[in-house]
Amino acid sequence: MKTKVLIVDDSALVRGLMTEILSADPQIEVVGVASDPYVARDKIKQLHPDVLTLDVEMPRMDGLTFLDNLMRLHPMPVLMVSSLTEAGADVTLQALELGAVDFVTKPKLDVRAGLNAYADQLREKVRTIGRARPRNARSSTGVAPRLRRPFRTTDRLIAIGASTGGTEAIREVLERMPPDGPAVVITQHIPAAFSGPFAARLNRTSAMSVCEAQDGQPIVPGHAYVAPGDRHLLVARDGARYVCRLSDGAPVNRHRPSVDVMFDSLARHAGANVAAAVLTGMGDDGARGLLALRETGARTLVQDEASSIVWGMPGAAHKLGAAERVLPLDAIAEQLLNDAAA
């Protein structure tokens, strides 16, 4: 059965290019296009699309206002189309917070070449989120009180890997962490222009200090470190302490940063001192690395299917036998803290 798509963008060029790109996939049917949210609202009622692609800057109503209304009144999978700028990144992260499932980047210059460069990714994301669960369609627990655990050592680490839907899942986990909890290292599949704003948003909502990781940076309790969007994040030993190492190595599982790369470094240098989780995401990155961690004595878990937007990465890790536990998102922070305190 084909995934039916409605394209919402004020640019006739972009609407035409995206129609051409998506229609090249036999599993996708572009059922319509809309130049602004008011037209889109009527076409959603007429055409019943499975997926909406949505621009941010549009006439008559901006994309965020429309998305907020849509998720309250008619939740459905939405793929944002955003520019490769820091301002665009912040708006995109707001869209994900409002309920969009994922995003693709749209360069401001040479849009035709830029979108064609993302053609395979665009088609893959549309196919995937056509099967996704809109976040507002699931139960929401809100922000839970931060948890506290007695930590006997400073050498315990928490590691989190995620992809599609992960920006909001990671935010929810970090919001529950205490300010003096074990250090957290994070690999989220995200473009380079977005990882800095993503870390900044996490820093504003978490009691921990959150930053984009830097090469050689000491890893200390009460802090969380986000992999830069175009570099692998590894954890290494430097005497008695852990430090961040960044690598420009080739993509692994088509990703840089890669969750497997981070988990493998933790298996080598931290082993049983790690509590690790794979959250919602497309593909299988992190599955083999989580298994390597479990084999060293690390505590491992994955997000369950019901609370995941896409159960690709956690499902692959579960199938491989890499996870000790499968838990809903709202139980993951507490379990990671329990495992780190054990």
C-alpha atoms as a PDB file:
ATOM      1  CA  MET A   1       0.000   0.000   0.000  1.00  0.00           C
ATOM      2  CA  LYS A   2       1.416   3.375  -0.999  1.00  0.00           C
ATOM      3  CA  THR A   3       2.187   6.146   1.472  1.00  0.00           C
ATOM      4  CA  LYS A   4       0.028   9.141   0.530  1.00  0.00           C
ATOM      5  CA  VAL A   5       1.774  12.505   0.864  1.00  0.00           C
ATOM      6  CA  LEU A   6       0.572  16.099   0.878  1.00  0.00           C
ATOM      7  CA  ILE A   7       3.332  18.664   0.203  1.00  0.00           C
ATOM      8  CA  VAL A   8       2.905  22.065   1.885  1.00  0.00           C
ATOM      9  CA  ASP A   9       5.328  24.778   0.719  1.00  0.00           C
ATOM     10  CA  ASP A  10       4.899  28.323  -0.531  1.00  0.00           C
ATOM     11  CA  SER A  11       7.540  27.835  -3.246  1.00  0.00           C
ATOM     12  CA  ALA A  12       6.215  26.444  -6.526  1.00  0.00           C
ATOM     13  CA  LEU A  13       9.757  25.276  -7.323  1.00  0.00           C
ATOM     14  CA  VAL A  14      10.032  23.289  -4.098  1.00  0.00           C
ATOM     15  CA  ARG A  15       6.557  21.801  -4.520  1.00  0.00           C
ATOM     16  CA  GLY A  16       7.484  20.653  -8.023  1.00  0.00           C
ATOM     17  CA  LEU A  17      10.875  19.260  -7.024  1.00  0.00           C
ATOM     18  CA  MET A  18       9.522  17.374  -4.031  1.00  0.00           C
ATOM     19  CA  THR A  19       6.668  15.973  -6.106  1.00  0.00           C
ATOM     20  CA  GLU A  20       9.185  14.755  -8.682  1.00  0.00           C
ATOM     21  CA  ILE A  21      11.524  13.265  -6.069  1.00  0.00           C
ATOM     22  CA  LEU A  22       8.826  11.502  -4.054  1.00  0.00           C
ATOM     23  CA  SER A  23       6.878  10.259  -7.079  1.00  0.00           C
ATOM     24  CA  ALA A  24      10.004   8.416  -8.254  1.00  0.00           C
ATOM     25  CA  ASP A  25       9.416   5.962  -5.386  1.00  0.00           C
ATOM     26  CA  PRO A  26       6.805   3.300  -6.259  1.00  0.00           C
ATOM     27  CA  GLN A  27       5.826   3.107  -2.572  1.00  0.00           C
ATOM     28  CA  ILE A  28       4.899   6.813  -2.381  1.00  0.00           C
ATOM     29  CA  GLU A  29       1.985   8.697  -3.915  1.00  0.00           C
ATOM     30  CA  VAL A  30       1.878  12.487  -3.849  1.00  0.00           C
ATOM     31  CA  VAL A  31      -1.859  13.092  -3.532  1.00  0.00           C
ATOM     32  CA  GLY A  32      -1.662  16.871  -3.535  1.00  0.00           C
ATOM     33  CA  VAL A  33       0.239  20.091  -2.894  1.00  0.00           C
ATOM     34  CA  ALA A  34      -0.659  23.246  -0.967  1.00  0.00           C
ATOM     35  CA  SER A  35       0.866  26.713  -1.059  1.00  0.00           C
ATOM     36  CA  ASP A  36      -0.142  27.681   2.489  1.00  0.00           C
ATOM     37  CA  PRO A  37      -1.704  26.177   5.636  1.00  0.00           C
ATOM     38  CA  TYR A  38      -5.236  27.252   4.778  1.00  0.00           C
ATOM     39  CA  VAL A  39      -5.133  25.353   1.494  1.00  0.00           C
ATOM     40  CA  ALA A  40      -3.444  22.471   3.318  1.00  0.00           C
ATOM     41  CA  ARG A  41      -6.230  22.316   5.915  1.00  0.00           C
ATOM     42  CA  ASP A  42      -8.865  21.835   3.207  1.00  0.00           C
ATOM     43  CA  LYS A  43      -6.778  19.286   1.297  1.00  0.00           C
ATOM     44  CA  ILE A  44      -6.147  17.203   4.426  1.00  0.00           C
ATOM     45  CA  LYS A  45      -9.903  16.847   4.802  1.00  0.00           C
ATOM     46  CA  GLN A  46     -10.363  15.983   1.110  1.00  0.00           C
ATOM     47  CA  LEU A  47      -7.342  13.744   0.466  1.00  0.00           C
ATOM     48  CA  HIS A  48      -6.637  12.033   3.824  1.00  0.00           C
ATOM     49  CA  PRO A  49      -2.831  11.912   3.402  1.00  0.00           C
ATOM     50  CA  ASP A  50      -0.671   9.598   5.514  1.00  0.00           C
ATOM     51  CA  VAL A  51       2.193  12.108   5.713  1.00  0.00           C
ATOM     52  CA  LEU A  52       2.442  15.885   5.513  1.00  0.00           C
ATOM     53  CA  THR A  53       5.653  17.654   4.463  1.00  0.00           C
ATOM     54  CA  LEU A  54       5.614  21.151   5.921  1.00  0.00           C
ATOM     55  CA  ASP A  55       7.667  24.274   5.298  1.00  0.00           C
ATOM     56  CA  VAL A  56       8.256  26.690   8.179  1.00  0.00           C
ATOM     57  CA  GLU A  57       8.084  30.131   6.563  1.00  0.00           C
ATOM     58  CA  MET A  58       4.797  30.540   4.681  1.00  0.00           C
ATOM     59  CA  PRO A  59       2.256  33.304   3.984  1.00  0.00           C
ATOM     60  CA  ARG A  60      -0.964  33.810   5.961  1.00  0.00           C
ATOM     61  CA  MET A  61       0.101  31.376   8.727  1.00  0.00           C
ATOM     62  CA  ASP A  62       3.575  30.196   9.703  1.00  0.00           C
ATOM     63  CA  GLY A  63       4.369  26.506   9.813  1.00  0.00           C
ATOM     64  CA  LEU A  64       4.740  26.304  13.604  1.00  0.00           C
ATOM     65  CA  THR A  65       1.300  27.798  14.262  1.00  0.00           C
ATOM     66  CA  PHE A  66      -0.250  25.451  11.730  1.00  0.00           C
ATOM     67  CA  LEU A  67       1.611  22.462  13.205  1.00  0.00           C
ATOM     68  CA  ASP A  68       0.439  23.314  16.721  1.00  0.00           C
ATOM     69  CA  ASN A  69      -3.170  23.499  15.548  1.00  0.00           C
ATOM     70  CA  LEU A  70      -2.837  20.321  13.486  1.00  0.00           C
ATOM     71  CA  MET A  71      -1.430  18.264  16.353  1.00  0.00           C
ATOM     72  CA  ARG A  72      -4.222  19.363  18.671  1.00  0.00           C
ATOM     73  CA  LEU A  73      -7.058  18.799  16.210  1.00  0.00           C
ATOM     74  CA  HIS A  74      -5.851  16.155  13.742  1.00  0.00           C
ATOM     75  CA  PRO A  75      -2.552  14.480  14.797  1.00  0.00           C
ATOM     76  CA  MET A  76      -0.676  12.960  11.868  1.00  0.00           C
ATOM     77  CA  PRO A  77       2.937  12.269  10.836  1.00  0.00           C
ATOM     78  CA  VAL A  78       4.622  15.519   9.741  1.00  0.00           C
ATOM     79  CA  LEU A  79       8.025  15.905   8.079  1.00  0.00           C
ATOM     80  CA  MET A  80       9.433  19.427   8.396  1.00  0.00           C
ATOM     81  CA  VAL A  81      11.401  20.993   5.548  1.00  0.00           C
ATOM     82  CA  SER A  82      13.931  23.388   7.088  1.00  0.00           C
ATOM     83  CA  SER A  83      16.802  25.592   6.022  1.00  0.00           C
ATOM     84  CA  LEU A  84      20.441  24.876   6.898  1.00  0.00           C
ATOM     85  CA  THR A  85      20.872  27.821   9.262  1.00  0.00           C
ATOM     86  CA  GLU A  86      21.169  28.129  13.013  1.00  0.00           C
ATOM     87  CA  ALA A  87      17.894  30.066  13.144  1.00  0.00           C
ATOM     88  CA  GLY A  88      16.289  27.386  10.998  1.00  0.00           C
ATOM     89  CA  ALA A  89      17.655  24.746  13.339  1.00  0.00           C
ATOM     90  CA  ASP A  90      16.065  26.348  16.384  1.00  0.00           C
ATOM     91  CA  VAL A  91      12.696  26.620  14.637  1.00  0.00           C
ATOM     92  CA  THR A  92      12.957  23.001  13.517  1.00  0.00           C
ATOM     93  CA  LEU A  93      13.631  21.873  17.087  1.00  0.00           C
ATOM     94  CA  GLN A  94      10.536  23.812  18.157  1.00  0.00           C
ATOM     95  CA  ALA A  95       8.589  21.933  15.467  1.00  0.00           C
ATOM     96  CA  LEU A  96       9.805  18.597  16.802  1.00  0.00           C
ATOM     97  CA  GLU A  97       8.742  19.688  20.274  1.00  0.00           C
ATOM     98  CA  LEU A  98       5.262  20.474  18.915  1.00  0.00           C
ATOM     99  CA  GLY A  99       4.918  16.993  17.422  1.00  0.00           C
ATOM    100  CA  ALA A 100       6.648  16.804  14.025  1.00  0.00           C
ATOM    101  CA  VAL A 101       8.233  13.387  13.539  1.00  0.00           C
ATOM    102  CA  ASP A 102      11.381  14.367  11.617  1.00  0.00           C
ATOM    103  CA  PHE A 103      12.871  16.924   9.245  1.00  0.00           C
ATOM    104  CA  VAL A 104      14.914  17.294   6.089  1.00  0.00           C
ATOM    105  CA  THR A 105      17.197  20.194   5.298  1.00  0.00           C
ATOM    106  CA  LYS A 106      16.508  22.662   2.504  1.00  0.00           C
ATOM    107  CA  PRO A 107      19.437  24.867   1.461  1.00  0.00           C
ATOM    108  CA  LYS A 108      18.612  28.488   0.693  1.00  0.00           C
ATOM    109  CA  LEU A 109      20.886  28.535  -2.359  1.00  0.00           C
ATOM    110  CA  ASP A 110      20.533  26.174  -5.321  1.00  0.00           C
ATOM    111  CA  VAL A 111      17.455  24.470  -3.938  1.00  0.00           C
ATOM    112  CA  ARG A 112      17.228  22.077  -6.881  1.00  0.00           C
ATOM    113  CA  ALA A 113      20.718  20.628  -6.312  1.00  0.00           C
ATOM    114  CA  GLY A 114      20.232  20.625  -2.558  1.00  0.00           C
ATOM    115  CA  LEU A 115      16.963  18.711  -2.574  1.00  0.00           C
ATOM    116  CA  ASN A 116      18.209  16.265  -5.178  1.00  0.00           C
ATOM    117  CA  ALA A 117      21.208  15.569  -2.922  1.00  0.00           C
ATOM    118  CA  TYR A 118      18.739  14.627  -0.172  1.00  0.00           C
ATOM    119  CA  ALA A 119      16.408  12.687  -2.498  1.00  0.00           C
ATOM    120  CA  ASP A 120      17.119   9.199  -1.137  1.00  0.00           C
ATOM    121  CA  GLN A 121      16.932  10.426   2.448  1.00  0.00           C
ATOM    122  CA  LEU A 122      13.699  12.292   1.744  1.00  0.00           C
ATOM    123  CA  ARG A 123      12.033   9.227   0.258  1.00  0.00           C
ATOM    124  CA  GLU A 124      13.263   6.979   3.072  1.00  0.00           C
ATOM    125  CA  LYS A 125      11.999   9.350   5.746  1.00  0.00           C
ATOM    126  CA  VAL A 126       8.576   9.687   4.115  1.00  0.00           C
ATOM    127  CA  ARG A 127       8.229   5.895   3.886  1.00  0.00           C
ATOM    128  CA  THR A 128       9.300   5.472   7.504  1.00  0.00           C
ATOM    129  CA  ILE A 129       7.198   8.176   9.125  1.00  0.00           C
ATOM    130  CA  GLY A 130       4.192   7.008   7.162  1.00  0.00           C
ATOM    131  CA  ARG A 131       4.211   4.126   9.653  1.00  0.00           C
ATOM    132  CA  ALA A 132       5.152   6.305  12.641  1.00  0.00           C
ATOM    133  CA  ARG A 133       2.996   7.259  15.587  1.00  0.00           C
ATOM    134  CA  PRO A 134       2.384  11.030  15.896  1.00  0.00           C
ATOM    135  CA  ARG A 135       3.616  11.971  19.358  1.00  0.00           C
ATOM    136  CA  ASN A 136       0.380  13.713  20.356  1.00  0.00           C
ATOM    137  CA  ALA A 137      -1.487  10.477  19.581  1.00  0.00           C
ATOM    138  CA  ARG A 138       0.347   8.769  22.432  1.00  0.00           C
ATOM    139  CA  SER A 139      -0.126   9.382  26.125  1.00  0.00           C
ATOM    140  CA  SER A 140       1.962  12.185  27.568  1.00  0.00           C
ATOM    141  CA  THR A 141       3.091  12.274  31.174  1.00  0.00           C
ATOM    142  CA  GLY A 142       4.449  15.810  31.109  1.00  0.00           C
ATOM    143  CA  VAL A 143       7.658  16.724  32.905  1.00  0.00           C
ATOM    144  CA  ALA A 144       8.225  14.407  35.848  1.00  0.00           C
ATOM    145  CA  PRO A 145      10.016  15.460  39.023  1.00  0.00           C
ATOM    146  CA  ARG A 146      13.774  15.048  38.754  1.00  0.00           C
ATOM    147  CA  LEU A 147      15.048  11.859  40.279  1.00  0.00           C
ATOM    148  CA  ARG A 148      17.792  11.546  42.870  1.00  0.00           C
ATOM    149  CA  ARG A 149      20.054   8.593  43.549  1.00  0.00           C
ATOM    150  CA  PRO A 150      23.091   8.207  45.805  1.00  0.00           C
ATOM    151  CA  PHE A 151      26.147   7.867  43.561  1.00  0.00           C
ATOM    152  CA  ARG A 152      29.070   6.163  45.269  1.00  0.00           C
ATOM    153  CA  THR A 153      31.573   6.717  42.483  1.00  0.00           C
ATOM    154  CA  THR A 154      32.335   9.343  39.870  1.00  0.00           C
ATOM    155  CA  ASP A 155      33.325   6.883  37.155  1.00  0.00           C
ATOM    156  CA  ARG A 156      29.821   5.788  36.167  1.00  0.00           C
ATOM    157  CA  LEU A 157      28.554   6.913  32.768  1.00  0.00           C
ATOM    158  CA  ILE A 158      25.185   6.998  31.043  1.00  0.00           C
ATOM    159  CA  ALA A 159      25.137   6.661  27.243  1.00  0.00           C
ATOM    160  CA  ILE A 160      22.176   7.379  24.961  1.00  0.00           C
ATOM    161  CA  GLY A 161      21.791   6.812  21.228  1.00  0.00           C
ATOM    162  CA  ALA A 162      18.819   7.879  19.100  1.00  0.00           C
ATOM    163  CA  SER A 163      17.651   8.996  15.678  1.00  0.00           C
ATOM    164  CA  THR A 164      14.136   9.742  14.347  1.00  0.00           C
ATOM    165  CA  GLY A 165      12.073  11.128  17.215  1.00  0.00           C
ATOM    166  CA  GLY A 166      15.147  11.200  19.412  1.00  0.00           C
ATOM    167  CA  THR A 167      15.443  14.925  20.007  1.00  0.00           C
ATOM    168  CA  GLU A 168      12.266  14.927  22.085  1.00  0.00           C
ATOM    169  CA  ALA A 169      12.905  11.508  23.659  1.00  0.00           C
ATOM    170  CA  ILE A 170      16.361  12.633  24.825  1.00  0.00           C
ATOM    171  CA  ARG A 171      14.901  15.869  26.164  1.00  0.00           C
ATOM    172  CA  GLU A 172      12.378  13.924  28.240  1.00  0.00           C
ATOM    173  CA  VAL A 173      15.068  11.642  29.670  1.00  0.00           C
ATOM    174  CA  LEU A 174      17.410  14.521  30.553  1.00  0.00           C
ATOM    175  CA  GLU A 175      14.603  16.547  32.155  1.00  0.00           C
ATOM    176  CA  ARG A 176      14.300  13.774  34.732  1.00  0.00           C
ATOM    177  CA  MET A 177      18.016  13.676  35.567  1.00  0.00           C
ATOM    178  CA  PRO A 178      19.302  15.316  38.768  1.00  0.00           C
ATOM    179  CA  PRO A 179      21.893  18.112  38.507  1.00  0.00           C
ATOM    180  CA  ASP A 180      24.556  15.924  40.156  1.00  0.00           C
ATOM    181  CA  GLY A 181      23.857  12.706  38.241  1.00  0.00           C
ATOM    182  CA  PRO A 182      26.387  10.608  36.318  1.00  0.00           C
ATOM    183  CA  ALA A 183      27.808  12.163  33.153  1.00  0.00           C
ATOM    184  CA  VAL A 184      25.748  11.472  30.035  1.00  0.00           C
ATOM    185  CA  VAL A 185      27.153  11.051  26.520  1.00  0.00           C
ATOM    186  CA  ILE A 186      24.689  11.364  23.652  1.00  0.00           C
ATOM    187  CA  THR A 187      24.747  10.504  19.975  1.00  0.00           C
ATOM    188  CA  GLN A 188      21.711  11.721  18.060  1.00  0.00           C
ATOM    189  CA  HIS A 189      21.613  11.524  14.268  1.00  0.00           C
ATOM    190  CA  ILE A 190      21.449  15.213  13.375  1.00  0.00           C
ATOM    191  CA  PRO A 191      23.008  17.552  10.789  1.00  0.00           C
ATOM    192  CA  ALA A 192      26.004  19.669  11.786  1.00  0.00           C
ATOM    193  CA  ALA A 193      24.043  22.940  11.851  1.00  0.00           C
ATOM    194  CA  PHE A 194      21.532  21.466  14.297  1.00  0.00           C
ATOM    195  CA  SER A 195      23.633  19.794  17.018  1.00  0.00           C
ATOM    196  CA  GLY A 196      24.734  23.046  18.683  1.00  0.00           C
ATOM    197  CA  PRO A 197      21.200  24.488  18.935  1.00  0.00           C
ATOM    198  CA  PHE A 198      19.969  21.050  20.056  1.00  0.00           C
ATOM    199  CA  ALA A 199      22.499  20.964  22.916  1.00  0.00           C
ATOM    200  CA  ALA A 200      21.581  24.543  23.851  1.00  0.00           C
ATOM    201  CA  ARG A 201      17.878  23.664  24.045  1.00  0.00           C
ATOM    202  CA  LEU A 202      18.650  20.642  26.229  1.00  0.00           C
ATOM    203  CA  ASN A 203      20.748  22.857  28.486  1.00  0.00           C
ATOM    204  CA  ARG A 204      17.775  25.188  28.975  1.00  0.00           C
ATOM    205  CA  THR A 205      15.380  22.378  29.953  1.00  0.00           C
ATOM    206  CA  SER A 206      17.669  20.094  31.976  1.00  0.00           C
ATOM    207  CA  ALA A 207      19.111  20.513  35.471  1.00  0.00           C
ATOM    208  CA  MET A 208      22.353  19.094  34.092  1.00  0.00           C
ATOM    209  CA  SER A 209      24.816  21.237  32.154  1.00  0.00           C
ATOM    210  CA  VAL A 210      24.502  20.203  28.502  1.00  0.00           C
ATOM    211  CA  CYS A 211      26.935  21.127  25.742  1.00  0.00           C
ATOM    212  CA  GLU A 212      28.117  20.068  22.313  1.00  0.00           C
ATOM    213  CA  ALA A 213      31.133  17.822  22.941  1.00  0.00           C
ATOM    214  CA  GLN A 214      34.645  19.102  22.211  1.00  0.00           C
ATOM    215  CA  ASP A 215      37.737  17.019  21.528  1.00  0.00           C
ATOM    216  CA  GLY A 216      39.695  16.369  24.731  1.00  0.00           C
ATOM    217  CA  GLN A 217      36.923  17.709  26.979  1.00  0.00           C
ATOM    218  CA  PRO A 218      36.867  16.041  30.426  1.00  0.00           C
ATOM    219  CA  ILE A 219      33.683  14.092  31.160  1.00  0.00           C
ATOM    220  CA  VAL A 220      32.415  14.949  34.637  1.00  0.00           C
ATOM    221  CA  PRO A 221      29.259  14.237  36.673  1.00  0.00           C
ATOM    222  CA  GLY A 222      26.366  16.626  36.294  1.00  0.00           C
ATOM    223  CA  HIS A 223      27.173  17.235  32.632  1.00  0.00           C
ATOM    224  CA  ALA A 224      25.854  15.861  29.333  1.00  0.00           C
ATOM    225  CA  TYR A 225      27.784  15.871  26.065  1.00  0.00           C
ATOM    226  CA  VAL A 226      26.113  15.842  22.633  1.00  0.00           C
ATOM    227  CA  ALA A 227      28.014  14.541  19.603  1.00  0.00           C
ATOM    228  CA  PRO A 228      28.588  17.242  16.956  1.00  0.00           C
ATOM    229  CA  GLY A 229      26.430  16.675  13.897  1.00  0.00           C
ATOM    230  CA  ASP A 230      29.323  15.820  11.563  1.00  0.00           C
ATOM    231  CA  ARG A 231      31.774  14.013  13.870  1.00  0.00           C
ATOM    232  CA  HIS A 232      31.825  10.742  15.779  1.00  0.00           C
ATOM    233  CA  LEU A 233      31.886  11.040  19.582  1.00  0.00           C
ATOM    234  CA  LEU A 234      34.090   8.507  21.367  1.00  0.00           C
ATOM    235  CA  VAL A 235      34.894   8.134  25.057  1.00  0.00           C
ATOM    236  CA  ALA A 236      38.502   7.462  26.084  1.00  0.00           C
ATOM    237  CA  ARG A 237      40.460   7.119  29.319  1.00  0.00           C
ATOM    238  CA  ASP A 238      42.965   9.787  30.290  1.00  0.00           C
ATOM    239  CA  GLY A 239      44.525   8.505  33.482  1.00  0.00           C
ATOM    240  CA  ALA A 240      41.746   8.194  36.037  1.00  0.00           C
ATOM    241  CA  ARG A 241      39.212  10.248  34.088  1.00  0.00           C
ATOM    242  CA  TYR A 242      37.141   9.970  30.939  1.00  0.00           C
ATOM    243  CA  VAL A 243      37.459  12.439  28.073  1.00  0.00           C
ATOM    244  CA  CYS A 244      35.579  13.124  24.847  1.00  0.00           C
ATOM    245  CA  ARG A 245      37.315  12.274  21.601  1.00  0.00           C
ATOM    246  CA  LEU A 246      35.957  13.452  18.271  1.00  0.00           C
ATOM    247  CA  SER A 247      36.645  11.672  14.994  1.00  0.00           C
ATOM    248  CA  ASP A 248      36.250  12.590  11.340  1.00  0.00           C
ATOM    249  CA  GLY A 249      36.263   8.905  10.409  1.00  0.00           C
ATOM    250  CA  ALA A 250      34.021   7.499   7.718  1.00  0.00           C
ATOM    251  CA  PRO A 251      30.283   7.196   8.413  1.00  0.00           C
ATOM    252  CA  VAL A 252      29.248   3.973  10.140  1.00  0.00           C
ATOM    253  CA  ASN A 253      25.816   2.553   9.330  1.00  0.00           C
ATOM    254  CA  ARG A 254      25.572   5.586   7.008  1.00  0.00           C
ATOM    255  CA  HIS A 255      25.864   7.951   9.967  1.00  0.00           C
ATOM    256  CA  ARG A 256      28.397  10.348  11.406  1.00  0.00           C
ATOM    257  CA  PRO A 257      28.017  10.584  14.322  1.00  0.00           C
ATOM    258  CA  SER A 258      27.269   6.901  14.806  1.00  0.00           C
ATOM    259  CA  VAL A 259      25.827   5.354  17.962  1.00  0.00           C
ATOM    260  CA  ASP A 260      27.821   2.164  17.337  1.00  0.00           C
ATOM    261  CA  VAL A 261      31.076   4.136  17.286  1.00  0.00           C
ATOM    262  CA  MET A 262      30.296   5.738  20.659  1.00  0.00           C
ATOM    263  CA  PHE A 263      29.105   2.479  22.239  1.00  0.00           C
ATOM    264  CA  ASP A 264      32.154   0.563  20.973  1.00  0.00           C
ATOM    265  CA  SER A 265      34.491   3.115  22.565  1.00  0.00           C
ATOM    266  CA  LEU A 266      32.606   2.796  25.835  1.00  0.00           C
ATOM    267  CA  ALA A 267      32.856  -0.997  25.698  1.00  0.00           C
ATOM    268  CA  ARG A 268      36.649  -0.667  25.353  1.00  0.00           C
ATOM    269  CA  HIS A 269      37.263   2.016  27.957  1.00  0.00           C
ATOM    270  CA  ALA A 270      34.394   1.939  30.475  1.00  0.00           C
ATOM    271  CA  GLY A 271      32.704  -1.470  30.230  1.00  0.00           C
ATOM    272  CA  ALA A 272      30.676  -2.360  33.299  1.00  0.00           C
ATOM    273  CA  ASN A 273      30.664   1.266  34.489  1.00  0.00           C
ATOM    274  CA  VAL A 274      28.154   2.144  31.749  1.00  0.00           C
ATOM    275  CA  ALA A 275      24.355   2.245  31.694  1.00  0.00           C
ATOM    276  CA  ALA A 276      23.262   2.575  28.057  1.00  0.00           C
ATOM    277  CA  ALA A 277      20.010   3.084  26.187  1.00  0.00           C
ATOM    278  CA  VAL A 278      18.903   3.043  22.556  1.00  0.00           C
ATOM    279  CA  LEU A 279      15.893   5.254  21.973  1.00  0.00           C
ATOM    280  CA  THR A 280      13.519   5.752  19.046  1.00  0.00           C
ATOM    281  CA  GLY A 281      15.144   5.859  15.622  1.00  0.00           C
ATOM    282  CA  MET A 282      15.228   4.622  12.045  1.00  0.00           C
ATOM    283  CA  GLY A 283      17.670   1.876  11.023  1.00  0.00           C
ATOM    284  CA  ASP A 284      19.874  -0.333  13.196  1.00  0.00           C
ATOM    285  CA  ASP A 285      22.709   1.931  14.343  1.00  0.00           C
ATOM    286  CA  GLY A 286      23.608   1.187  17.962  1.00  0.00           C
ATOM    287  CA  ALA A 287      22.414  -2.426  18.042  1.00  0.00           C
ATOM    288  CA  ARG A 288      25.841  -4.061  17.732  1.00  0.00           C
ATOM    289  CA  GLY A 289      27.471  -1.494  19.983  1.00  0.00           C
ATOM    290  CA  LEU A 290      24.844  -2.064  22.675  1.00  0.00           C
ATOM    291  CA  LEU A 291      25.495  -5.800  22.458  1.00  0.00           C
ATOM    292  CA  ALA A 292      29.241  -5.181  22.852  1.00  0.00           C
ATOM    293  CA  LEU A 293      28.497  -3.132  25.961  1.00  0.00           C
ATOM    294  CA  ARG A 294      26.250  -5.810  27.433  1.00  0.00           C
ATOM    295  CA  GLU A 295      28.970  -8.397  26.897  1.00  0.00           C
ATOM    296  CA  THR A 296      31.360  -6.293  29.014  1.00  0.00           C
ATOM    297  CA  GLY A 297      28.896  -6.194  31.912  1.00  0.00           C
ATOM    298  CA  ALA A 298      27.287  -2.825  31.149  1.00  0.00           C
ATOM    299  CA  ARG A 299      23.590  -2.419  31.884  1.00  0.00           C
ATOM    300  CA  THR A 300      21.558  -2.005  28.718  1.00  0.00           C
ATOM    301  CA  LEU A 301      18.000  -1.126  27.734  1.00  0.00           C
ATOM    302  CA  VAL A 302      15.922   0.030  24.794  1.00  0.00           C
ATOM    303  CA  GLN A 303      12.774   2.110  24.439  1.00  0.00           C
ATOM    304  CA  ASP A 304       9.646   0.044  23.832  1.00  0.00           C
ATOM    305  CA  GLU A 305       7.709   0.052  20.576  1.00  0.00           C
ATOM    306  CA  ALA A 306       4.571   1.687  21.963  1.00  0.00           C
ATOM    307  CA  SER A 307       6.381   4.840  23.093  1.00  0.00           C
ATOM    308  CA  SER A 308       8.792   5.014  20.128  1.00  0.00           C
ATOM    309  CA  ILE A 309       8.003   7.127  17.098  1.00  0.00           C
ATOM    310  CA  VAL A 310      10.044   4.630  15.032  1.00  0.00           C
ATOM    311  CA  TRP A 311      11.041   1.259  16.549  1.00  0.00           C
ATOM    312  CA  GLY A 312      13.903   0.651  14.127  1.00  0.00           C
ATOM    313  CA  MET A 313      17.034   1.121  16.240  1.00  0.00           C
ATOM    314  CA  PRO A 314      15.597  -0.129  19.551  1.00  0.00           C
ATOM    315  CA  GLY A 315      13.853  -2.999  17.761  1.00  0.00           C
ATOM    316  CA  ALA A 316      17.084  -4.060  16.053  1.00  0.00           C
ATOM    317  CA  ALA A 317      18.969  -3.994  19.373  1.00  0.00           C
ATOM    318  CA  HIS A 318      16.226  -6.014  21.060  1.00  0.00           C
ATOM    319  CA  LYS A 319      16.218  -8.586  18.244  1.00  0.00           C
ATOM    320  CA  LEU A 320      19.994  -8.937  18.574  1.00  0.00           C
ATOM    321  CA  GLY A 321      19.723  -9.657  22.302  1.00  0.00           C
ATOM    322  CA  ALA A 322      21.580  -6.484  23.221  1.00  0.00           C
ATOM    323  CA  ALA A 323      19.053  -5.152  25.739  1.00  0.00           C
ATOM    324  CA  GLU A 324      18.439  -6.389  29.262  1.00  0.00           C
ATOM    325  CA  ARG A 325      15.205  -4.429  29.409  1.00  0.00           C
ATOM    326  CA  VAL A 326      12.577  -2.920  27.101  1.00  0.00           C
ATOM    327  CA  LEU A 327      10.936   0.067  28.760  1.00  0.00           C
ATOM    328  CA  PRO A 328       8.511   2.902  27.959  1.00  0.00           C
ATOM    329  CA  LEU A 329      10.129   6.311  27.564  1.00  0.00           C
ATOM    330  CA  ASP A 330       8.845   7.652  30.876  1.00  0.00           C
ATOM    331  CA  ALA A 331      10.597   4.839  32.798  1.00  0.00           C
ATOM    332  CA  ILE A 332      14.006   5.095  31.124  1.00  0.00           C
ATOM    333  CA  ALA A 333      15.612   7.907  33.148  1.00  0.00           C
ATOM    334  CA  GLU A 334      14.868   6.213  36.471  1.00  0.00           C
ATOM    335  CA  GLN A 335      16.199   2.871  35.250  1.00  0.00           C
ATOM    336  CA  LEU A 336      19.396   4.430  33.888  1.00  0.00           C
ATOM    337  CA  LEU A 337      19.976   6.134  37.232  1.00  0.00           C
ATOM    338  CA  ASN A 338      19.283   2.896  39.117  1.00  0.00           C
ATOM    339  CA  ASP A 339      21.691   1.004  36.867  1.00  0.00           C
ATOM    340  CA  ALA A 340      24.373   3.676  37.267  1.00  0.00           C
ATOM    341  CA  ALA A 341      24.007   3.604  41.054  1.00  0.00           C
ATOM    342  CA  ALA A 342      24.142  -0.194  41.310  1.00  0.00           C
END
